[in-house]
Protein backbone atom coordinates (compact mmCIF):
# COMPACT_ATOMS: atom_id res chain seq x y z
CA MET A 1 -19.24 15.97 9.90
CA GLY A 2 -15.91 14.27 10.76
CA GLU A 3 -12.51 14.92 9.32
CA LYS A 4 -11.65 13.55 5.90
CA THR A 5 -8.46 12.51 4.20
CA VAL A 6 -7.72 11.71 0.56
CA ILE A 7 -4.53 9.95 -0.47
CA VAL A 8 -3.35 10.16 -4.07
CA LEU A 9 -1.41 7.03 -5.02
CA HIS A 10 0.38 7.65 -8.30
CA SER A 11 2.89 4.81 -8.00
CA GLY A 12 2.45 1.07 -8.24
CA ASN A 13 5.54 0.32 -6.17
CA MET A 14 4.82 -2.18 -3.41
CA ASP A 15 6.27 -0.06 -0.59
CA LYS A 16 4.24 2.99 -1.62
CA VAL A 17 1.03 0.95 -1.87
CA TYR A 18 1.71 -0.42 1.62
CA SER A 19 2.31 3.10 2.93
CA ALA A 20 -0.92 4.47 1.45
CA LEU A 21 -3.03 1.58 2.74
CA ILE A 22 -1.49 1.71 6.23
CA ILE A 23 -2.12 5.47 6.47
CA GLU A 24 -5.69 4.99 5.22
CA ASN A 25 -6.40 2.24 7.75
CA GLY A 26 -4.93 4.39 10.52
CA ALA A 27 -7.21 7.26 9.56
CA LEU A 28 -10.22 4.93 9.52
CA ALA A 29 -9.23 3.56 12.94
CA ILE A 30 -9.44 7.04 14.49
CA GLY A 31 -12.82 7.74 12.93
CA MET A 32 -11.80 9.76 9.89
CA GLU A 33 -13.35 9.30 6.50
CA ALA A 34 -10.54 8.11 4.22
CA SER A 35 -10.19 7.33 0.55
CA ILE A 36 -7.37 6.54 -1.85
CA TYR A 37 -7.34 7.92 -5.36
CA PHE A 38 -5.35 5.53 -7.58
CA THR A 39 -3.85 7.22 -10.62
CA PHE A 40 -1.22 6.51 -13.29
CA TRP A 41 0.89 3.47 -12.26
CA GLY A 42 -1.10 3.03 -9.06
CA LEU A 43 -4.01 1.84 -11.22
CA MET A 44 -1.95 -1.20 -12.23
CA ARG A 45 -2.19 -2.55 -8.67
CA LEU A 46 -5.99 -2.67 -8.87
CA LYS A 47 -5.98 -5.47 -11.45
CA LYS A 48 -7.02 -8.83 -9.99
CA GLY A 49 -3.99 -10.59 -8.49
CA GLU A 50 -1.64 -7.64 -9.12
CA LEU A 51 -1.80 -5.87 -5.75
CA GLU A 52 1.40 -7.35 -4.31
CA LYS A 53 3.26 -7.75 -7.60
CA GLY A 54 4.64 -4.24 -7.87
CA PRO A 55 8.39 -3.59 -7.65
CA LEU A 56 10.03 -1.68 -4.82
CA SER A 57 10.81 1.97 -5.39
CA LYS A 58 14.52 2.18 -4.55
CA MET A 59 15.69 -1.04 -2.92
CA ASN A 60 14.68 -3.81 -5.30
CA MET A 61 18.13 -5.49 -5.31
CA LEU A 62 17.27 -7.93 -8.11
CA GLY A 63 14.07 -9.01 -6.36
CA LEU A 64 15.58 -9.58 -2.90
CA GLY A 65 14.23 -6.27 -1.64
CA ARG A 66 10.61 -7.37 -2.09
CA LEU A 67 11.28 -10.56 -0.14
CA MET A 68 12.98 -8.63 2.66
CA VAL A 69 10.10 -6.12 2.91
CA LYS A 70 7.51 -8.91 2.97
CA GLN A 71 9.46 -10.71 5.72
CA ARG A 72 9.71 -7.52 7.80
CA MET A 73 6.00 -6.84 7.36
CA ASP A 74 5.17 -10.40 8.44
CA LYS A 75 7.47 -10.10 11.47
CA ALA A 76 5.79 -6.80 12.47
CA ASN A 77 2.33 -8.42 12.08
CA VAL A 78 1.30 -6.02 9.30
CA ALA A 79 -1.68 -7.35 7.38
CA PRO A 80 -1.11 -8.30 3.74
CA LEU A 81 -2.14 -5.78 1.09
CA GLU A 82 -5.25 -7.77 0.20
CA ARG A 83 -6.56 -7.42 3.77
CA LEU A 84 -5.58 -3.77 4.06
CA MET A 85 -7.62 -3.04 0.95
């Protein structure tokens, strides 16, 4: 049996959702069994159409922070949250 990882996502903040999904996809890429346990505010991101609507944890800057993070992710060729899921 291969190695396993479980990620507990208790926040619905966009940057934390990105982090959890990137770590999960990395684990899957190296052959590990990976799962994410969504709890508390993380559950809010599982509603249809709500995955990318979460705020940023510390650097929201009146909404500019989300735009800056999305631009950086696009520039680094990081898949959108919908595809990472």
